[in-house]
């Protein structure tokens, strides 16, 4: 299990919530902010997750695949991530 996955488990984010978050990120990463607030994730934690994702994007994608994120969503997430790396 990678760092991001450990942190998400600590936050009690199951695969369903991760899929909801991925869906929100798919169209516009900034649109996911309201979903993050709805899930009760602090901005400090979001920044921590983003640092982890940027440091190791492949581990994040692997975790998302294990969570059952559809391939189409993963592809879109990869495209979004390329903009920030």
Protein backbone atom coordinates (compact mmCIF):
# COMPACT_ATOMS: atom_id res chain seq x y z
CA UNK A 1 0.00 0.00 0.00
CA UNK A 2 1.37 3.43 -0.91
CA UNK A 3 1.38 6.68 1.08
CA UNK A 4 -1.67 8.15 -0.64
CA UNK A 5 -3.66 4.98 -0.11
CA UNK A 6 -2.65 4.90 3.58
CA UNK A 7 -3.77 8.49 4.03
CA UNK A 8 -7.08 7.89 2.27
CA UNK A 9 -7.73 4.90 4.52
CA UNK A 10 -6.98 7.03 7.57
CA UNK A 11 -9.62 9.46 6.28
CA UNK A 12 -12.08 6.55 5.92
CA UNK A 13 -12.40 7.08 2.18
CA UNK A 14 -13.55 3.81 0.69
CA UNK A 15 -13.50 2.90 -3.00
CA UNK A 16 -16.94 4.45 -3.57
CA UNK A 17 -15.87 7.82 -2.15
CA UNK A 18 -12.61 7.66 -4.10
CA UNK A 19 -14.60 7.01 -7.27
CA UNK A 20 -16.86 9.98 -6.52
CA UNK A 21 -13.82 12.17 -6.00
CA UNK A 22 -12.19 10.88 -9.20
CA UNK A 23 -15.37 11.68 -11.09
CA UNK A 24 -15.31 15.22 -9.78
CA UNK A 25 -11.65 15.62 -10.73
CA UNK A 26 -12.18 14.20 -14.19
CA UNK A 27 -13.75 17.29 -15.73
CA UNK A 28 -12.01 19.96 -13.69
CA UNK A 29 -9.65 19.40 -10.77
CA UNK A 30 -10.85 22.62 -9.16
CA UNK A 31 -14.45 21.41 -9.28
CA UNK A 32 -13.39 18.63 -6.93
CA UNK A 33 -12.90 21.18 -4.13
CA UNK A 34 -16.57 21.11 -3.19
CA UNK A 35 -16.47 17.29 -3.14
CA UNK A 36 -13.39 17.43 -0.92
CA UNK A 37 -15.20 19.73 1.49
CA UNK A 38 -18.24 17.46 1.43
CA UNK A 39 -16.01 14.52 2.41
CA UNK A 40 -14.55 16.56 5.28
CA UNK A 41 -10.98 16.64 4.01
CA UNK A 42 -9.00 19.66 5.22
CA UNK A 43 -7.05 21.80 2.76
CA UNK A 44 -3.88 20.88 4.66
CA UNK A 45 -4.57 17.21 3.94
CA UNK A 46 -5.38 17.98 0.30
CA UNK A 47 -2.01 19.71 -0.04
CA UNK A 48 -0.30 16.71 1.54
CA UNK A 49 -2.05 14.34 -0.88
CA UNK A 50 -1.14 16.53 -3.86
CA UNK A 51 2.52 16.54 -2.86
CA UNK A 52 2.44 12.73 -2.62
CA UNK A 53 0.69 12.41 -5.98
CA UNK A 54 3.10 14.76 -7.72
CA UNK A 55 6.08 12.95 -6.20
CA UNK A 56 4.82 9.56 -7.39
CA UNK A 57 2.00 9.80 -9.95
CA UNK A 58 2.25 6.14 -10.95
CA UNK A 59 1.53 5.02 -7.36
CA UNK A 60 -1.59 7.22 -7.37
CA UNK A 61 -2.78 5.76 -10.68
CA UNK A 62 -2.14 2.24 -9.38
CA UNK A 63 -4.17 2.99 -6.24
CA UNK A 64 -6.98 4.43 -8.37
CA UNK A 65 -7.02 1.29 -10.53
CA UNK A 66 -7.25 -0.86 -7.40
CA UNK A 67 -10.16 1.29 -6.21
CA UNK A 68 -12.02 0.41 -9.40
CA UNK A 69 -11.81 3.76 -11.17
CA UNK A 70 -12.93 3.19 -14.79
CA UNK A 71 -10.22 3.32 -17.48
CA UNK A 72 -11.85 6.34 -19.14
CA UNK A 73 -11.72 8.27 -15.88
CA UNK A 74 -8.11 7.18 -15.27
CA UNK A 75 -7.13 8.38 -18.72
CA UNK A 76 -8.71 11.76 -18.06
CA UNK A 77 -7.02 11.95 -14.64
CA UNK A 78 -3.65 11.22 -16.25
CA UNK A 79 -4.24 14.02 -18.74
CA UNK A 80 -5.15 16.41 -15.91
CA UNK A 81 -2.07 15.37 -13.92
CA UNK A 82 0.21 16.05 -16.90
CA UNK A 83 -0.88 19.69 -16.76
CA UNK A 84 0.49 20.01 -13.23
CA UNK A 85 3.72 18.01 -13.57
